[in-house]
């Protein structure tokens, strides 16, 4: 009996040691992963308060030149060429450092503030994609629980704060009472509005927002009429309440930007609203537009090649639930 007892104790002791060792490994792994989940990256740089300036004095020209070089009239970006060009990678980072010089407390015109934050959102997104390129989708870099999330963990130095893309979109831009920003800020995806290949400037902001809103709804991936159903982009399902309370009211507010058939349906008053699939594939083109012989459009131009909808065939592809949101919540997962 004593031998049996001793044998049992030995076996139980080994089991306890194995369990303890396994728990230690698990705890170490969880700790490591938790550290990864909260890891943050920054864009731009910190500026002393004495060197910060009003947003009225922020110059977007260098960014404008980069967009004209690498973005085509449909908002597709030559990421491969940009990624390979060390000088232009540095130029984008220098622009972000210039954005960081903006004071968040000094007075500035509303137009300058809107142009600043729209450009900041898009430039930080471009920087984030270029850091992880090659990639097929921004959704490869938006971890929900563990790991890097570009929308949450890439922070722009702005004045005396550091703001994420989510902060810029939800805490700043959406509170500025200009809902057309949803057709100007771009999350590097085919389903997004086109990335304008010009920077937004205070003096032309109103025209640029109007033109890009009209362009957005001119594309079949964003607006379709089927009988008495008006099918709109998921962006309207996610953020429609920034325009009006009900989907029908939202369509009425935006109808002036719709093509003729959609305008007529809305004017009839006899319509329902549905939503189209969203394409999270990267908004990429193979070569820079000028290298392919494409002409750059002027600031705010709505011209585009016939038949081009900046969407791959069958581009409603996305993982089921990968972008699920409560209707009107305005928060991507």
Protein backbone atom coordinates (compact mmCIF):
# COMPACT_ATOMS: atom_id res chain seq x y z
CA UNK A 1 0.00 0.00 0.00
CA UNK A 2 2.83 2.36 0.85
CA UNK A 3 4.35 1.75 -2.58
CA UNK A 4 1.02 2.49 -4.23
CA UNK A 5 0.62 5.65 -2.17
CA UNK A 6 4.11 6.83 -3.02
CA UNK A 7 3.53 6.11 -6.70
CA UNK A 8 0.32 8.11 -6.70
CA UNK A 9 2.04 11.05 -5.04
CA UNK A 10 4.80 10.91 -7.63
CA UNK A 11 2.34 10.88 -10.49
CA UNK A 12 0.23 13.68 -8.98
CA UNK A 13 3.37 15.70 -8.36
CA UNK A 14 4.38 15.38 -11.99
CA UNK A 15 0.88 16.38 -13.05
CA UNK A 16 1.00 19.47 -10.79
CA UNK A 17 4.37 20.46 -12.22
CA UNK A 18 3.11 20.00 -15.77
CA UNK A 19 -0.01 22.06 -15.08
CA UNK A 20 2.02 24.77 -13.35
CA UNK A 21 4.49 24.87 -16.23
CA UNK A 22 1.67 25.01 -18.77
CA UNK A 23 -0.02 27.84 -16.92
CA UNK A 24 3.23 29.77 -16.80
CA UNK A 25 3.67 29.40 -20.56
CA UNK A 26 0.05 30.44 -21.15
CA UNK A 27 0.40 33.49 -18.90
CA UNK A 28 3.61 34.50 -20.65
CA UNK A 29 1.94 34.11 -24.03
CA UNK A 30 -1.11 36.14 -22.97
CA UNK A 31 1.15 38.85 -21.57
CA UNK A 32 3.11 38.99 -24.82
CA UNK A 33 -0.03 39.12 -26.92
CA UNK A 34 -1.57 41.77 -24.69
CA UNK A 35 1.53 43.86 -25.16
CA UNK A 36 1.20 43.45 -28.90
CA UNK A 37 -2.47 44.37 -28.76
CA UNK A 38 -1.73 47.67 -27.05
CA UNK A 39 1.42 48.47 -29.06
CA UNK A 40 1.12 51.88 -30.68
CA UNK A 41 2.88 53.47 -33.61
CA UNK A 42 3.13 57.18 -34.25
CA UNK A 43 3.19 59.42 -37.29
CA UNK A 44 4.51 62.96 -37.34
CA UNK A 45 6.47 64.38 -34.42
CA UNK A 46 6.01 66.35 -31.22
CA UNK A 47 6.42 70.13 -31.45
CA UNK A 48 7.01 72.53 -28.54
CA UNK A 49 4.00 74.72 -27.88
CA UNK A 50 5.97 77.81 -28.85
CA UNK A 51 6.54 76.40 -32.36
CA UNK A 52 2.97 75.31 -33.03
CA UNK A 53 0.94 77.30 -35.55
CA UNK A 54 -2.67 77.85 -36.51
CA UNK A 55 -4.20 75.41 -38.99
CA UNK A 56 -4.61 78.43 -41.25
CA UNK A 57 -0.82 78.30 -41.71
CA UNK A 58 -0.52 74.59 -42.53
CA UNK A 59 0.65 74.12 -46.13
CA UNK A 60 -0.73 71.09 -47.99
CA UNK A 61 1.22 71.63 -51.22
CA UNK A 62 3.79 68.85 -50.77
CA UNK A 63 1.02 66.35 -50.06
CA UNK A 64 -0.88 67.62 -53.10
CA UNK A 65 2.13 66.88 -55.29
CA UNK A 66 2.46 63.35 -53.93
CA UNK A 67 -1.20 62.62 -54.60
CA UNK A 68 -0.91 63.85 -58.19
CA UNK A 69 2.09 61.58 -58.69
CA UNK A 70 0.70 58.35 -57.23
CA UNK A 71 -3.12 58.55 -57.32
CA UNK A 72 -5.23 58.34 -60.46
CA UNK A 73 -8.54 59.98 -61.30
CA UNK A 74 -10.45 57.04 -59.86
CA UNK A 75 -8.68 57.21 -56.52
CA UNK A 76 -6.46 54.18 -57.06
CA UNK A 77 -2.99 54.39 -55.56
CA UNK A 78 0.32 53.13 -56.96
CA UNK A 79 1.41 51.81 -53.57
CA UNK A 80 4.19 49.61 -54.99
CA UNK A 81 5.94 52.51 -56.71
CA UNK A 82 5.44 54.83 -53.74
CA UNK A 83 6.73 52.19 -51.34
CA UNK A 84 9.85 51.73 -53.49
CA UNK A 85 10.63 55.46 -53.67
CA UNK A 86 12.57 56.34 -50.50
CA UNK A 87 12.50 60.07 -51.27
CA UNK A 88 8.72 60.16 -51.62
CA UNK A 89 8.23 57.98 -48.56
CA UNK A 90 10.25 60.57 -46.67
CA UNK A 91 8.24 63.39 -48.26
CA UNK A 92 4.99 61.91 -46.89
CA UNK A 93 6.54 61.58 -43.45
CA UNK A 94 7.77 65.18 -43.60
CA UNK A 95 4.25 66.30 -44.48
CA UNK A 96 2.91 64.39 -41.48
CA UNK A 97 5.51 66.11 -39.32
CA UNK A 98 4.28 69.44 -40.70
CA UNK A 99 0.69 68.49 -39.83
CA UNK A 100 1.89 67.81 -36.30
CA UNK A 101 2.91 71.46 -35.98
CA UNK A 102 -0.75 72.55 -36.01
CA UNK A 103 -2.04 73.88 -32.74
CA UNK A 104 -5.39 72.49 -31.62
CA UNK A 105 -6.09 75.60 -29.57
CA UNK A 106 -5.12 78.50 -31.83
CA UNK A 107 -7.98 80.02 -33.86
CA UNK A 108 -8.40 78.87 -37.46
CA UNK A 109 -11.13 79.08 -40.07
CA UNK A 110 -13.63 76.26 -40.24
CA UNK A 111 -12.52 75.52 -43.80
CA UNK A 112 -8.88 75.28 -42.74
CA UNK A 113 -9.80 72.91 -39.92
CA UNK A 114 -11.88 70.66 -42.16
CA UNK A 115 -9.20 70.56 -44.87
CA UNK A 116 -6.57 69.84 -42.23
CA UNK A 117 -8.41 66.90 -40.67
CA UNK A 118 -9.53 65.35 -43.98
CA UNK A 119 -5.96 65.50 -45.30
CA UNK A 120 -4.65 64.21 -41.98
CA UNK A 121 -6.97 61.20 -42.04
CA UNK A 122 -6.07 60.29 -45.60
CA UNK A 123 -2.34 60.91 -45.22
CA UNK A 124 -2.10 58.83 -42.03
CA UNK A 125 -4.01 56.02 -43.77
CA UNK A 126 -1.61 56.14 -46.71
CA UNK A 127 1.35 56.08 -44.33
CA UNK A 128 -0.16 53.14 -42.47
CA UNK A 129 -0.64 51.12 -45.65
CA UNK A 130 2.85 51.94 -46.93
CA UNK A 131 4.31 50.71 -43.63
CA UNK A 132 2.71 47.28 -44.02
CA UNK A 133 2.86 47.02 -47.83
CA UNK A 134 2.54 44.66 -49.63
CA UNK A 135 -0.96 43.88 -48.42
CA UNK A 136 -4.28 43.07 -50.03
CA UNK A 137 -6.59 44.89 -47.62
CA UNK A 138 -6.59 47.27 -44.69
CA UNK A 139 -8.68 44.63 -42.92
CA UNK A 140 -5.51 42.55 -42.60
CA UNK A 141 -4.33 45.21 -40.13
CA UNK A 142 -7.43 45.92 -38.02
CA UNK A 143 -7.23 43.30 -35.28
CA UNK A 144 -10.29 43.25 -33.05
CA UNK A 145 -8.79 41.73 -29.90
CA UNK A 146 -5.09 40.94 -30.17
CA UNK A 147 -2.60 42.64 -32.43
CA UNK A 148 -2.14 45.86 -34.37
CA UNK A 149 -5.19 47.84 -35.47
CA UNK A 150 -4.33 50.64 -37.89
CA UNK A 151 -7.52 52.53 -36.98
CA UNK A 152 -6.72 52.50 -33.26
CA UNK A 153 -2.95 52.10 -32.89
CA UNK A 154 -1.43 54.44 -35.49
CA UNK A 155 -1.41 57.84 -33.81
CA UNK A 156 -0.79 61.22 -35.37
CA UNK A 157 1.00 63.84 -33.28
CA UNK A 158 -1.24 66.90 -33.55
CA UNK A 159 -0.40 69.86 -31.38
CA UNK A 160 -0.07 68.53 -27.85
CA UNK A 161 -2.15 65.40 -28.52
CA UNK A 162 -1.84 62.07 -30.31
CA UNK A 163 -4.94 61.01 -32.23
CA UNK A 164 -5.84 57.74 -33.90
CA UNK A 165 -7.75 57.47 -37.17
CA UNK A 166 -10.84 56.61 -35.13
CA UNK A 167 -10.29 59.75 -33.05
CA UNK A 168 -9.96 61.93 -36.14
CA UNK A 169 -13.08 60.49 -37.73
CA UNK A 170 -15.43 60.17 -34.78
CA UNK A 171 -14.21 62.70 -32.21
CA UNK A 172 -13.25 65.49 -34.61
CA UNK A 173 -14.63 65.33 -38.14
CA UNK A 174 -18.07 63.92 -37.40
CA UNK A 175 -18.61 66.67 -34.83
CA UNK A 176 -17.91 69.47 -37.32
CA UNK A 177 -21.40 69.36 -38.85
CA UNK A 178 -20.19 68.56 -42.37
CA UNK A 179 -21.40 65.02 -43.13
CA UNK A 180 -19.95 65.08 -46.65
CA UNK A 181 -16.64 64.22 -45.02
CA UNK A 182 -17.82 60.61 -45.40
CA UNK A 183 -17.23 61.01 -49.15
CA UNK A 184 -13.77 62.52 -48.63
CA UNK A 185 -12.01 60.36 -46.03
CA UNK A 186 -10.72 57.11 -47.46
CA UNK A 187 -9.86 53.85 -45.69
CA UNK A 188 -7.70 52.53 -48.54
CA UNK A 189 -10.43 50.24 -49.89
CA UNK A 190 -12.28 49.87 -53.18
CA UNK A 191 -15.59 50.34 -51.34
CA UNK A 192 -14.49 53.73 -50.02
CA UNK A 193 -15.02 57.03 -51.82
CA UNK A 194 -12.29 57.68 -54.34
CA UNK A 195 -9.15 59.20 -52.88
CA UNK A 196 -9.04 62.62 -54.54
CA UNK A 197 -5.69 62.99 -56.28
CA UNK A 198 -5.41 66.51 -54.93
CA UNK A 199 -5.12 67.69 -51.35
CA UNK A 200 -8.12 69.44 -49.85
CA UNK A 201 -7.54 73.18 -49.58
CA UNK A 202 -9.58 75.65 -47.50
CA UNK A 203 -10.29 77.94 -50.45
CA UNK A 204 -11.74 75.15 -52.61
CA UNK A 205 -13.10 72.84 -49.91
CA UNK A 206 -16.80 73.34 -50.62
CA UNK A 207 -16.40 72.60 -54.31
CA UNK A 208 -14.16 69.60 -53.66
CA UNK A 209 -16.64 68.06 -51.21
CA UNK A 210 -19.56 68.62 -53.61
CA UNK A 211 -17.69 67.12 -56.57
CA UNK A 212 -16.48 64.06 -54.66
CA UNK A 213 -19.96 63.46 -53.24
CA UNK A 214 -21.42 63.57 -56.74
CA UNK A 215 -18.65 61.28 -57.98
CA UNK A 216 -19.34 58.83 -55.16
CA UNK A 217 -22.99 58.41 -56.09
CA UNK A 218 -22.22 58.26 -59.83
CA UNK A 219 -20.52 54.89 -59.34
CA UNK A 220 -22.66 51.73 -59.46
CA UNK A 221 -20.78 50.24 -56.52
CA UNK A 222 -22.29 53.00 -54.36
CA UNK A 223 -25.76 53.63 -55.78
CA UNK A 224 -28.16 51.48 -57.81
CA UNK A 225 -31.86 51.67 -58.65
CA UNK A 226 -33.78 48.41 -58.76
CA UNK A 227 -37.51 48.93 -59.25
CA UNK A 228 -38.61 51.11 -56.37
CA UNK A 229 -35.56 50.24 -54.28
CA UNK A 230 -32.67 52.64 -53.92
CA UNK A 231 -29.60 50.58 -53.02
CA UNK A 232 -26.85 52.65 -51.44
CA UNK A 233 -23.34 52.07 -50.16
CA UNK A 234 -22.85 50.53 -46.73
CA UNK A 235 -21.36 53.89 -45.78
CA UNK A 236 -24.92 55.21 -45.68
CA UNK A 237 -26.02 52.34 -43.46
CA UNK A 238 -23.14 53.04 -41.09
CA UNK A 239 -23.19 56.84 -41.09
CA UNK A 240 -26.52 57.85 -42.60
CA UNK A 241 -27.80 59.41 -39.40
CA UNK A 242 -25.15 62.11 -39.80
CA UNK A 243 -27.30 63.37 -42.71
CA UNK A 244 -30.86 62.75 -41.46
CA UNK A 245 -32.77 60.42 -39.17
CA UNK A 246 -34.39 57.90 -41.55
CA UNK A 247 -32.94 56.28 -44.69
CA UNK A 248 -35.65 57.93 -46.81
CA UNK A 249 -34.83 61.37 -45.38
CA UNK A 250 -31.13 60.75 -45.96
CA UNK A 251 -31.81 59.97 -49.63
CA UNK A 252 -33.84 63.16 -49.95
CA UNK A 253 -31.03 65.25 -48.47
CA UNK A 254 -28.48 63.75 -50.85
CA UNK A 255 -30.67 63.44 -53.96
CA UNK A 256 -29.14 66.52 -55.61
CA UNK A 257 -25.91 64.51 -55.94
CA UNK A 258 -27.62 61.45 -57.48
CA UNK A 259 -27.78 60.55 -61.18
CA UNK A 260 -31.09 61.24 -62.94
CA UNK A 261 -32.90 57.90 -62.41
CA UNK A 262 -32.12 57.90 -58.68
CA UNK A 263 -33.23 61.53 -58.37
CA UNK A 264 -36.53 60.70 -60.08
CA UNK A 265 -37.17 57.75 -57.79
CA UNK A 266 -36.54 59.84 -54.69
CA UNK A 267 -38.73 62.65 -56.02
CA UNK A 268 -41.58 60.19 -56.48
CA UNK A 269 -41.63 59.54 -52.75
CA UNK A 270 -42.43 55.88 -53.44
CA UNK A 271 -39.17 54.14 -52.66
CA UNK A 272 -37.41 52.00 -50.11
CA UNK A 273 -33.71 51.93 -49.25
CA UNK A 274 -31.40 48.94 -49.35
CA UNK A 275 -27.65 48.61 -48.99
CA UNK A 276 -24.96 47.18 -51.24
CA UNK A 277 -22.03 44.97 -50.31
CA UNK A 278 -18.73 46.59 -49.38
CA UNK A 279 -15.42 45.80 -51.03
CA UNK A 280 -12.46 45.86 -48.62
CA UNK A 281 -9.85 45.07 -51.31
CA UNK A 282 -6.97 47.55 -51.42
CA UNK A 283 -7.54 50.60 -53.63
CA UNK A 284 -4.42 49.88 -55.67
CA UNK A 285 -3.24 50.37 -59.23
CA UNK A 286 -0.14 48.76 -60.72
CA UNK A 287 1.74 51.86 -61.89
CA UNK A 288 1.73 55.59 -61.17
CA UNK A 289 -0.91 57.37 -63.29
CA UNK A 290 1.57 59.58 -65.15
CA UNK A 291 3.74 56.57 -65.97
CA UNK A 292 0.70 55.02 -67.63
CA UNK A 293 0.02 58.19 -69.59
CA UNK A 294 -3.01 59.24 -67.59
CA UNK A 295 -3.66 62.93 -67.22
CA UNK A 296 -3.99 64.26 -63.71
CA UNK A 297 -7.27 65.98 -63.08
CA UNK A 298 -7.56 69.47 -61.68
CA UNK A 299 -8.52 70.07 -58.06
CA UNK A 300 -12.00 68.72 -57.51
CA UNK A 301 -12.52 67.48 -61.08
CA UNK A 302 -15.14 64.78 -61.41
CA UNK A 303 -13.88 63.36 -64.71
CA UNK A 304 -13.26 59.61 -64.95
CA UNK A 305 -12.78 56.99 -67.65
CA UNK A 306 -15.98 55.62 -69.17
CA UNK A 307 -17.10 52.40 -67.59
CA UNK A 308 -14.57 52.54 -64.77
CA UNK A 309 -16.24 52.08 -61.43
CA UNK A 310 -13.05 51.59 -59.42
CA UNK A 311 -14.35 48.19 -58.53
CA UNK A 312 -13.15 44.73 -59.47
CA UNK A 313 -15.72 42.39 -60.96
CA UNK A 314 -17.78 40.95 -58.17
CA UNK A 315 -16.30 43.42 -55.75
CA UNK A 316 -18.85 42.95 -53.02
CA UNK A 317 -16.40 40.41 -51.62
CA UNK A 318 -15.64 40.65 -47.93
CA UNK A 319 -15.56 38.24 -45.07
CA UNK A 320 -19.00 37.82 -43.61
CA UNK A 321 -19.23 39.98 -40.54
CA UNK A 322 -15.81 41.56 -41.07
CA UNK A 323 -17.28 45.02 -41.16
CA UNK A 324 -20.47 44.51 -39.22
CA UNK A 325 -21.92 47.56 -37.53
CA UNK A 326 -25.14 48.52 -35.89
CA UNK A 327 -27.10 50.62 -38.33
CA UNK A 328 -26.39 54.27 -37.66
CA UNK A 329 -23.75 53.54 -35.04
CA UNK A 330 -21.00 54.99 -37.21
CA UNK A 331 -18.32 52.73 -35.78
CA UNK A 332 -16.40 50.18 -37.83
CA UNK A 333 -15.40 47.01 -36.03
